């Protein structure tokens, strides 16, 4: 699903507000990381890391972090051959 850019911006704002209200809310960091995923790899990685720090047993968080690192370190010409594209 492709969403308008303002949808991502709104999600980032909403999850940032949720984090401000409850800084221990791991899902808010995770979902904000997903909102940053593809826009700002370093911020997404930071949010995934914080979600994992708060909930280190959540395998879902690890898989998204791993996917982000793979995307960020794979040269663009290799991405075209990924099976899920």
Protein backbone atom coordinates (compact mmCIF):
# COMPACT_ATOMS: atom_id res chain seq x y z
CA UNK A 1 0.00 0.00 0.00
CA UNK A 2 1.35 3.43 -0.93
CA UNK A 3 0.25 6.23 1.35
CA UNK A 4 0.49 9.96 0.77
CA UNK A 5 3.53 11.57 2.36
CA UNK A 6 1.40 13.53 4.82
CA UNK A 7 0.04 10.22 6.17
CA UNK A 8 3.58 9.23 7.20
CA UNK A 9 4.22 12.66 8.68
CA UNK A 10 0.99 12.43 10.68
CA UNK A 11 1.90 8.95 11.93
CA UNK A 12 5.34 10.17 13.00
CA UNK A 13 3.75 13.05 14.90
CA UNK A 14 1.19 10.77 16.55
CA UNK A 15 3.76 8.19 17.64
CA UNK A 16 6.08 10.93 18.87
CA UNK A 17 3.22 12.24 21.00
CA UNK A 18 2.54 8.73 22.33
CA UNK A 19 6.23 8.44 23.28
CA UNK A 20 6.09 11.84 25.00
CA UNK A 21 3.13 10.64 27.07
CA UNK A 22 4.64 7.21 27.82
CA UNK A 23 8.37 6.91 27.06
CA UNK A 24 8.27 3.21 28.00
CA UNK A 25 5.72 2.32 25.28
CA UNK A 26 7.76 0.01 23.02
CA UNK A 27 5.09 -0.27 20.32
CA UNK A 28 5.11 3.49 19.81
CA UNK A 29 8.85 3.39 19.07
CA UNK A 30 8.38 0.41 16.79
CA UNK A 31 5.56 1.99 14.79
CA UNK A 32 7.33 5.33 14.56
CA UNK A 33 10.33 3.39 13.26
CA UNK A 34 8.09 1.82 10.63
CA UNK A 35 6.90 5.29 9.69
CA UNK A 36 10.51 6.43 9.25
CA UNK A 37 11.49 3.21 7.45
CA UNK A 38 12.47 4.22 3.92
CA UNK A 39 12.51 7.93 4.79
CA UNK A 40 15.21 8.18 7.43
CA UNK A 41 17.12 4.94 8.06
CA UNK A 42 19.05 6.26 11.05
CA UNK A 43 15.92 7.45 12.86
CA UNK A 44 14.12 4.20 12.04
CA UNK A 45 17.07 2.19 13.37
CA UNK A 46 17.15 4.29 16.54
CA UNK A 47 13.43 3.70 17.11
CA UNK A 48 13.72 -0.06 16.45
CA UNK A 49 16.66 -0.21 18.88
CA UNK A 50 14.67 1.59 21.57
CA UNK A 51 11.67 -0.69 21.04
CA UNK A 52 14.00 -3.68 21.45
CA UNK A 53 15.57 -2.19 24.56
CA UNK A 54 12.10 -1.87 26.08
CA UNK A 55 10.87 -5.27 24.87
CA UNK A 56 13.86 -7.48 23.98
CA UNK A 57 11.71 -10.61 23.51
CA UNK A 58 9.64 -9.22 20.63
CA UNK A 59 10.80 -11.09 17.54
CA UNK A 60 8.70 -8.84 15.30
CA UNK A 61 10.88 -5.88 16.26
CA UNK A 62 14.03 -7.84 15.41
CA UNK A 63 12.74 -8.82 11.98
CA UNK A 64 11.91 -5.22 11.01
CA UNK A 65 15.30 -4.04 12.28
CA UNK A 66 17.03 -6.74 10.26
CA UNK A 67 15.05 -5.81 7.13
CA UNK A 68 15.97 -2.13 7.59
CA UNK A 69 19.67 -2.93 7.90
CA UNK A 70 19.54 -5.12 4.80
CA UNK A 71 17.81 -2.37 2.81
CA UNK A 72 20.23 0.29 4.02
CA UNK A 73 23.31 -1.76 3.17
CA UNK A 74 22.25 -3.27 -0.15
CA UNK A 75 23.36 -1.36 -3.24
CA UNK A 76 20.44 -0.08 -5.34
CA UNK A 77 21.27 -2.30 -8.33
CA UNK A 78 20.92 -5.40 -6.13
CA UNK A 79 17.54 -4.37 -4.70
CA UNK A 80 15.85 -4.97 -8.04
CA UNK A 81 16.41 -8.70 -7.69
CA UNK A 82 14.82 -9.06 -4.24
CA UNK A 83 12.03 -11.66 -4.42
CA UNK A 84 9.50 -9.52 -2.52
CA UNK A 85 9.77 -6.54 -4.89
